[in-house]
Amino acid sequence: MRPFVYDHPAQRVIFGIGSIKQLADEVRRLGASRVLIVSTPAERRFADEAARQLGPVAAGIFAEAVMHVPIETARAARKRALELEADCCVSIGGGSTTGLGKAIALESDLPIVAVPTTYAGSEMTPIYGLTESGIKTTGRDRRVLPATVLYDPELTLSLPPGISGPSGMNAIAHCVEGLYAENANPVINLMAAEGIRALARSLPIVVRQPDNLEARSDALYGAWLGGTVLGTVGMAIHHKLCHVLGGSFNLPHAEVHTVILPHATAFNREAAPEAMRLIADALGASDAAEGLYDLAVKIGAPTTLKEIGMPEDGLDRAASLATTNPYYNPRPVDLAGVRRLLQDAYEGRRPA
């Protein structure tokens, strides 16, 4: 066994049906008395319900979170937190909402109570992202790691199949890259493989039977594992490409992950054979990349960059941006190889 370092910051996680009812207790545990609740406009109803539960402790709601955390939105939310003299942030929603909560915490040190309603997984990570002038930058800072995470599968019941599937594939992507991460370790390998298994078995049921609470619970369990993997070890070419495509071309986050994942996996196929074996086994497939592509097809998720709004004349720029700065990947990252990967993803070819 190769040497490794396992460094995972402490978090409080409460998982189970009805766990949202513990929100007020968890806020009290943090000693907070003026809570800012953040959400997207579409998830305002969750924010309103959270405010009702918190009562006088709820100082206000900022329901303007959007994809990729534009710097303008972050600044407006930070200003709102200062005006309210907030001492805690409750982020209730998907990755966009969690990301906005992190943007607030990055400058204010406010503790975050995260309540995920999708399978994004960012609630388990110290990773933040901000988009400015069409460029998305990410970083790691333990100040943005939510202090408490409430996982309530009932809050995912209203997530439409067309969003549930890609959101789950996003969580699988965290697990896949964790298996060939530069700082991978045996504990994370176990979590990553189990996360892929849980999501691969639950997502087809979730998209066929959106009200199946058992499948929703299984998918959320897989998403928790994927988020833990993402927050513990480094990522590689897949996440780099998704940040470039999302931040520079404003493509939908989960859908980008869904489309790119099989092709990024194929890109690394020969360089990470043990990871590929673990991924394939967890999927019940003979090949990791093909198995991921077939899962996306099975759940009706997008398989081409073209269908999610990527302009073909932007592929050269995307390849250039993704290869400008060096970063770890099992296979050396070269411009020609990345450009081929993006073309395959644009056209939706099944990895062979």
Protein backbone atom coordinates (compact mmCIF):
# COMPACT_ATOMS: atom_id res chain seq x y z
CA MET A 1 0.00 0.00 0.00
CA ARG A 2 1.35 3.42 -0.91
CA PRO A 3 1.79 6.05 1.84
CA PHE A 4 -1.09 8.51 2.25
CA VAL A 5 -2.40 11.41 4.31
CA TYR A 6 -6.04 11.49 5.41
CA ASP A 7 -7.06 15.01 6.48
CA HIS A 8 -10.79 15.52 6.79
CA PRO A 9 -12.15 18.52 8.73
CA ALA A 10 -14.93 17.87 11.22
CA GLN A 11 -18.53 18.49 10.24
CA ARG A 12 -21.85 17.68 11.84
CA VAL A 13 -24.11 15.73 9.47
CA ILE A 14 -27.73 14.88 10.23
CA PHE A 15 -29.27 12.51 7.69
CA GLY A 16 -32.83 11.23 7.56
CA ILE A 17 -36.43 11.83 6.61
CA GLY A 18 -37.75 14.83 8.51
CA SER A 19 -34.34 16.11 9.59
CA ILE A 20 -35.28 19.64 8.46
CA LYS A 21 -37.33 19.85 11.65
CA GLN A 22 -34.04 20.03 13.56
CA LEU A 23 -32.98 23.27 11.84
CA ALA A 24 -33.81 25.56 14.76
CA ASP A 25 -32.01 23.28 17.22
CA GLU A 26 -28.89 23.24 15.04
CA VAL A 27 -28.86 27.02 14.73
CA ARG A 28 -29.14 27.27 18.52
CA ARG A 29 -26.20 24.87 18.88
CA LEU A 30 -24.09 27.41 17.00
CA GLY A 31 -25.18 30.19 19.35
CA ALA A 32 -26.68 32.23 16.50
CA SER A 33 -29.38 34.84 17.01
CA ARG A 34 -29.58 36.60 13.63
CA VAL A 35 -29.75 34.22 10.70
CA LEU A 36 -29.58 35.12 7.02
CA ILE A 37 -31.31 32.49 4.86
CA VAL A 38 -30.16 32.18 1.24
CA SER A 39 -31.82 30.38 -1.66
CA THR A 40 -32.48 30.71 -5.37
CA PRO A 41 -35.67 32.45 -6.53
CA ALA A 42 -37.11 29.04 -7.52
CA GLU A 43 -36.46 27.64 -4.03
CA ARG A 44 -37.85 30.63 -2.14
CA ARG A 45 -40.56 28.42 -0.64
CA PHE A 46 -37.88 26.43 1.22
CA ALA A 47 -36.39 29.65 2.54
CA ASP A 48 -39.80 30.89 3.70
CA GLU A 49 -40.44 27.62 5.53
CA ALA A 50 -37.00 27.80 7.15
CA ALA A 51 -37.75 31.35 8.31
CA ARG A 52 -41.04 30.14 9.80
CA GLN A 53 -39.23 27.42 11.73
CA LEU A 54 -36.57 29.79 13.01
CA GLY A 55 -39.07 32.43 14.08
CA PRO A 56 -37.50 35.63 15.50
CA VAL A 57 -34.01 34.22 14.93
CA ALA A 58 -34.53 34.62 11.16
CA ALA A 59 -33.15 38.08 10.37
CA GLY A 60 -33.86 37.99 6.63
CA ILE A 61 -33.89 36.13 3.32
CA PHE A 62 -31.67 36.61 0.27
CA ALA A 63 -33.33 34.58 -2.51
CA GLU A 64 -31.16 35.62 -5.45
CA ALA A 65 -28.59 32.81 -5.75
CA VAL A 66 -27.74 31.85 -9.34
CA MET A 67 -25.41 29.43 -11.12
CA HIS A 68 -21.64 29.80 -10.84
CA VAL A 69 -21.88 32.52 -8.14
CA PRO A 70 -21.32 35.73 -10.14
CA ILE A 71 -19.21 38.17 -8.15
CA GLU A 72 -22.00 40.77 -8.35
CA THR A 73 -24.43 38.39 -6.60
CA ALA A 74 -21.81 37.53 -3.98
CA ARG A 75 -21.23 41.20 -3.21
CA ALA A 76 -24.95 41.86 -2.88
CA ALA A 77 -25.37 38.92 -0.49
CA ARG A 78 -22.37 40.00 1.60
CA LYS A 79 -23.84 43.49 1.84
CA ARG A 80 -27.18 42.07 2.97
CA ALA A 81 -25.48 40.00 5.66
CA LEU A 82 -23.72 43.11 6.98
CA GLU A 83 -26.92 45.17 6.96
CA LEU A 84 -28.71 42.48 8.96
CA GLU A 85 -25.76 42.00 11.34
CA ALA A 86 -26.13 38.29 10.62
CA ASP A 87 -24.19 35.82 12.76
CA CYS A 88 -25.13 32.67 10.82
CA CYS A 89 -26.10 31.70 7.28
CA VAL A 90 -28.60 28.99 6.39
CA SER A 91 -28.22 27.93 2.76
CA ILE A 92 -31.17 25.88 1.56
CA GLY A 93 -31.13 24.60 -2.01
CA GLY A 94 -28.66 23.18 -4.51
CA GLY A 95 -25.04 23.90 -5.33
CA SER A 96 -25.71 27.50 -6.40
CA THR A 97 -27.18 28.31 -3.00
CA THR A 98 -24.44 26.52 -1.08
CA GLY A 99 -21.89 28.37 -3.20
CA LEU A 100 -23.43 31.73 -2.34
CA GLY A 101 -23.38 30.87 1.36
CA LYS A 102 -19.69 30.07 1.01
CA ALA A 103 -19.05 33.39 -0.74
CA ILE A 104 -20.55 35.16 2.27
CA ALA A 105 -18.56 33.08 4.76
CA LEU A 106 -15.33 33.67 2.86
CA GLU A 107 -15.32 37.33 3.92
CA SER A 108 -17.32 37.23 7.14
CA ASP A 109 -16.49 33.90 8.86
CA LEU A 110 -20.22 33.29 9.39
CA PRO A 111 -20.96 29.64 10.21
CA ILE A 112 -23.11 27.91 7.58
CA VAL A 113 -25.94 25.45 8.13
CA ALA A 114 -26.45 23.81 4.74
CA VAL A 115 -29.71 22.14 3.75
CA PRO A 116 -29.21 20.48 0.34
CA THR A 117 -32.18 19.91 -1.96
CA THR A 118 -30.15 18.41 -4.84
CA TYR A 119 -27.26 15.95 -5.17
CA ALA A 120 -24.54 18.57 -5.77
CA GLY A 121 -22.36 17.61 -2.79
CA SER A 122 -20.70 21.00 -2.35
CA GLU A 123 -22.09 21.23 1.18
CA MET A 124 -19.40 18.72 2.22
CA THR A 125 -16.45 20.66 0.84
CA PRO A 126 -14.22 23.62 1.72
CA ILE A 127 -14.20 24.49 -2.00
CA TYR A 128 -15.67 27.77 -3.21
CA GLY A 129 -16.10 29.25 -6.67
CA LEU A 130 -16.72 32.76 -7.99
CA THR A 131 -17.27 33.94 -11.57
CA GLU A 132 -16.03 37.33 -12.70
CA SER A 133 -15.77 38.63 -16.28
CA GLY A 134 -16.62 35.21 -17.68
CA ILE A 135 -13.88 33.38 -15.75
CA LYS A 136 -14.71 31.03 -12.89
CA THR A 137 -12.05 30.70 -10.22
CA THR A 138 -12.10 28.20 -7.39
CA GLY A 139 -10.24 27.86 -4.14
CA ARG A 140 -10.12 25.95 -0.86
CA ASP A 141 -10.64 27.57 2.51
CA ARG A 142 -11.94 25.83 5.62
CA ARG A 143 -13.82 28.97 6.62
CA VAL A 144 -16.42 28.16 3.94
CA LEU A 145 -17.02 24.55 5.03
CA PRO A 146 -20.57 24.33 6.43
CA ALA A 147 -20.57 23.65 10.16
CA THR A 148 -23.71 21.52 9.95
CA VAL A 149 -25.45 19.76 7.07
CA LEU A 150 -29.06 18.61 7.25
CA TYR A 151 -29.89 15.93 4.68
CA ASP A 152 -33.65 15.43 4.39
CA PRO A 153 -34.64 13.20 1.43
CA GLU A 154 -38.16 14.65 1.51
CA LEU A 155 -36.79 17.98 0.30
CA THR A 156 -35.63 16.31 -2.94
CA LEU A 157 -39.08 14.91 -3.85
CA SER A 158 -39.99 17.99 -5.88
CA LEU A 159 -36.75 17.82 -7.91
CA PRO A 160 -37.86 17.01 -11.49
CA PRO A 161 -36.37 13.94 -13.22
CA GLY A 162 -34.63 16.17 -15.74
CA ILE A 163 -32.71 17.83 -12.91
CA SER A 164 -32.37 14.82 -10.60
CA GLY A 165 -30.50 12.74 -13.19
CA PRO A 166 -27.77 15.26 -14.05
CA SER A 167 -27.46 16.29 -10.40
CA GLY A 168 -26.76 12.66 -9.50
CA MET A 169 -24.25 12.32 -12.34
CA ASN A 170 -22.48 15.39 -10.92
CA ALA A 171 -22.14 13.52 -7.62
CA ILE A 172 -20.79 10.46 -9.43
CA ALA A 173 -18.16 12.69 -11.07
CA HIS A 174 -16.78 13.57 -7.63
CA CYS A 175 -16.41 9.87 -6.84
CA VAL A 176 -14.81 9.05 -10.19
CA GLU A 177 -12.12 11.70 -9.91
CA GLY A 178 -11.53 10.85 -6.28
CA LEU A 179 -10.46 7.36 -7.31
CA TYR A 180 -7.57 8.63 -9.44
CA ALA A 181 -6.77 11.74 -7.37
CA GLU A 182 -3.14 12.52 -6.66
CA ASN A 183 -3.81 12.34 -2.93
CA ALA A 184 -6.27 9.42 -3.00
CA ASN A 185 -6.32 7.15 0.02
CA PRO A 186 -7.99 3.86 1.02
CA VAL A 187 -10.80 5.52 3.01
CA ILE A 188 -11.76 7.80 0.14
CA ASN A 189 -11.58 4.88 -2.32
CA LEU A 190 -14.17 3.02 -0.25
CA MET A 191 -16.43 6.08 -0.09
CA ALA A 192 -16.06 6.79 -3.80
CA ALA A 193 -16.88 3.25 -4.91
CA GLU A 194 -19.86 3.06 -2.54
CA GLY A 195 -21.10 6.45 -3.74
CA ILE A 196 -21.04 5.32 -7.37
CA ARG A 197 -22.90 2.12 -6.47
CA ALA A 198 -25.59 3.99 -4.52
CA LEU A 199 -26.18 6.53 -7.28
CA ALA A 200 -26.04 4.01 -10.14
CA ARG A 201 -28.75 1.88 -8.55
CA SER A 202 -30.97 4.74 -7.35
CA LEU A 203 -30.95 7.29 -10.18
CA PRO A 204 -32.85 5.12 -12.71
CA ILE A 205 -35.58 4.65 -10.09
CA VAL A 206 -35.60 8.34 -9.13
CA VAL A 207 -36.19 9.48 -12.71
CA ARG A 208 -38.93 6.87 -13.29
CA GLN A 209 -40.58 7.26 -9.89
CA PRO A 210 -39.80 10.76 -8.58
CA ASP A 211 -41.89 10.15 -5.44
CA ASN A 212 -39.97 7.01 -4.43
CA LEU A 213 -38.60 8.13 -1.09
CA GLU A 214 -36.38 5.08 -0.62
CA ALA A 215 -34.61 5.74 -3.93
CA ARG A 216 -34.37 9.45 -3.09
CA SER A 217 -32.74 8.55 0.22
CA ASP A 218 -30.27 6.23 -1.52
CA ALA A 219 -29.36 8.91 -4.06
CA LEU A 220 -28.87 11.52 -1.33
CA TYR A 221 -26.66 9.05 0.55
CA GLY A 222 -24.55 8.64 -2.59
CA ALA A 223 -24.40 12.41 -3.01
CA TRP A 224 -23.16 12.81 0.58
CA LEU A 225 -20.38 10.32 -0.13
CA GLY A 226 -19.51 12.10 -3.40
CA GLY A 227 -19.36 15.45 -1.65
CA THR A 228 -17.13 14.02 1.06
CA VAL A 229 -14.76 12.69 -1.60
CA LEU A 230 -14.73 16.04 -3.39
CA GLY A 231 -13.91 17.89 -0.20
CA THR A 232 -11.13 15.55 0.89
CA VAL A 233 -8.95 14.94 -2.17
CA GLY A 234 -7.99 16.89 -5.27
CA MET A 235 -9.80 16.75 -8.57
CA ALA A 236 -8.40 16.62 -12.11
CA ILE A 237 -9.29 17.24 -15.76
CA HIS A 238 -13.00 16.54 -15.48
CA HIS A 239 -13.66 19.25 -12.91
CA LYS A 240 -11.26 21.65 -14.62
CA LEU A 241 -13.18 21.32 -17.89
CA CYS A 242 -16.54 21.70 -16.17
CA HIS A 243 -15.45 24.90 -14.44
CA VAL A 244 -14.21 26.30 -17.74
CA LEU A 245 -17.39 25.40 -19.62
CA GLY A 246 -19.68 26.58 -16.86
CA GLY A 247 -17.92 29.81 -15.98
CA SER A 248 -16.89 30.94 -19.47
CA PHE A 249 -19.92 29.74 -21.46
CA ASN A 250 -22.58 29.84 -18.71
CA LEU A 251 -23.58 26.23 -19.28
CA PRO A 252 -25.75 24.49 -16.66
CA HIS A 253 -23.50 23.00 -13.99
CA ALA A 254 -24.90 19.50 -13.49
CA GLU A 255 -25.55 18.96 -17.19
CA VAL A 256 -21.95 19.87 -18.04
CA HIS A 257 -20.71 17.30 -15.55
CA THR A 258 -23.03 14.70 -17.05
CA VAL A 259 -21.84 15.24 -20.61
CA ILE A 260 -18.12 15.55 -19.88
CA LEU A 261 -17.77 12.69 -17.38
CA PRO A 262 -17.65 9.71 -19.77
CA HIS A 263 -15.16 11.47 -22.04
CA ALA A 264 -12.87 12.66 -19.23
CA THR A 265 -12.93 9.11 -17.88
CA ALA A 266 -11.99 7.73 -21.30
CA PHE A 267 -9.20 10.33 -21.51
CA ASN A 268 -7.66 8.85 -18.34
CA ARG A 269 -8.53 5.21 -19.09
CA GLU A 270 -5.01 3.91 -19.78
CA ALA A 271 -3.32 6.04 -17.12
CA ALA A 272 -5.46 4.92 -14.16
CA PRO A 273 -6.34 1.21 -14.65
CA GLU A 274 -7.13 0.45 -10.99
CA ALA A 275 -9.51 3.41 -10.73
CA MET A 276 -11.18 2.31 -13.97
CA ARG A 277 -11.66 -1.19 -12.58
CA LEU A 278 -13.28 0.14 -9.40
CA ILE A 279 -15.57 2.48 -11.35
CA ALA A 280 -16.65 -0.26 -13.76
CA ASP A 281 -17.31 -2.69 -10.91
CA ALA A 282 -19.41 -0.11 -9.04
CA LEU A 283 -21.45 0.53 -12.19
CA GLY A 284 -21.80 -3.15 -13.03
CA ALA A 285 -20.20 -2.44 -16.41
CA SER A 286 -17.30 -3.88 -18.36
CA ASP A 287 -15.74 -0.45 -18.99
CA ALA A 288 -15.85 2.66 -16.79
CA ALA A 289 -16.31 5.29 -19.51
CA GLU A 290 -18.86 3.29 -21.46
CA GLY A 291 -20.75 2.47 -18.27
CA LEU A 292 -21.01 6.15 -17.35
CA TYR A 293 -22.24 7.06 -20.82
CA ASP A 294 -24.81 4.27 -20.76
CA LEU A 295 -26.06 5.37 -17.32
CA ALA A 296 -26.60 8.91 -18.62
CA VAL A 297 -28.59 7.52 -21.54
CA LYS A 298 -30.60 5.24 -19.23
CA ILE A 299 -31.73 8.13 -17.04
CA GLY A 300 -32.52 10.40 -19.99
CA ALA A 301 -29.77 12.90 -19.19
CA PRO A 302 -28.07 15.00 -21.88
CA THR A 303 -25.11 13.41 -23.65
CA THR A 304 -23.92 16.24 -25.94
CA LEU A 305 -22.50 19.68 -25.27
CA LYS A 306 -24.45 20.91 -28.27
CA GLU A 307 -27.82 20.21 -26.66
CA ILE A 308 -26.97 22.15 -23.48
CA GLY A 309 -25.97 25.30 -25.33
CA MET A 310 -22.24 25.01 -26.07
CA PRO A 311 -21.29 26.80 -29.31
CA GLU A 312 -19.01 24.69 -31.49
CA ASP A 313 -16.87 27.71 -32.28
CA GLY A 314 -16.08 27.95 -28.56
CA LEU A 315 -14.41 24.53 -28.32
CA ASP A 316 -10.97 25.87 -29.24
CA ARG A 317 -11.17 28.55 -26.56
CA ALA A 318 -12.40 26.04 -23.98
CA ALA A 319 -9.51 23.67 -24.76
CA SER A 320 -7.04 26.53 -24.48
CA LEU A 321 -8.44 27.72 -21.14
CA ALA A 322 -8.40 24.18 -19.76
CA THR A 323 -4.73 23.70 -20.61
CA THR A 324 -3.32 27.13 -19.78
CA ASN A 325 -2.31 26.44 -16.18
CA PRO A 326 -0.76 23.12 -15.09
CA TYR A 327 -2.67 20.83 -12.71
CA TYR A 328 -2.53 17.19 -11.70
CA ASN A 329 -4.11 14.56 -13.91
CA PRO A 330 -3.17 10.87 -14.26
CA ARG A 331 -2.49 11.41 -17.95
CA PRO A 332 -0.57 14.50 -19.08
CA VAL A 333 -2.98 17.18 -20.22
CA ASP A 334 -2.25 18.26 -23.80
CA LEU A 335 -4.12 20.73 -25.98
CA ALA A 336 -4.75 18.29 -28.84
CA GLY A 337 -6.05 15.58 -26.53
CA VAL A 338 -8.38 17.94 -24.67
CA ARG A 339 -9.65 19.37 -27.96
CA ARG A 340 -10.54 15.84 -29.14
CA LEU A 341 -12.24 15.15 -25.82
CA LEU A 342 -14.38 18.26 -26.20
CA GLN A 343 -15.30 17.41 -29.79
CA ASP A 344 -16.41 13.95 -28.73
CA ALA A 345 -18.47 15.49 -25.93
CA TYR A 346 -19.92 18.10 -28.28
CA GLU A 347 -21.12 15.40 -30.65
CA GLY A 348 -22.07 12.93 -27.90
CA ARG A 349 -20.02 9.97 -29.16
CA ARG A 350 -20.14 6.89 -26.96
CA PRO A 351 -16.59 6.36 -25.63
CA ALA A 352 -15.14 3.29 -27.33
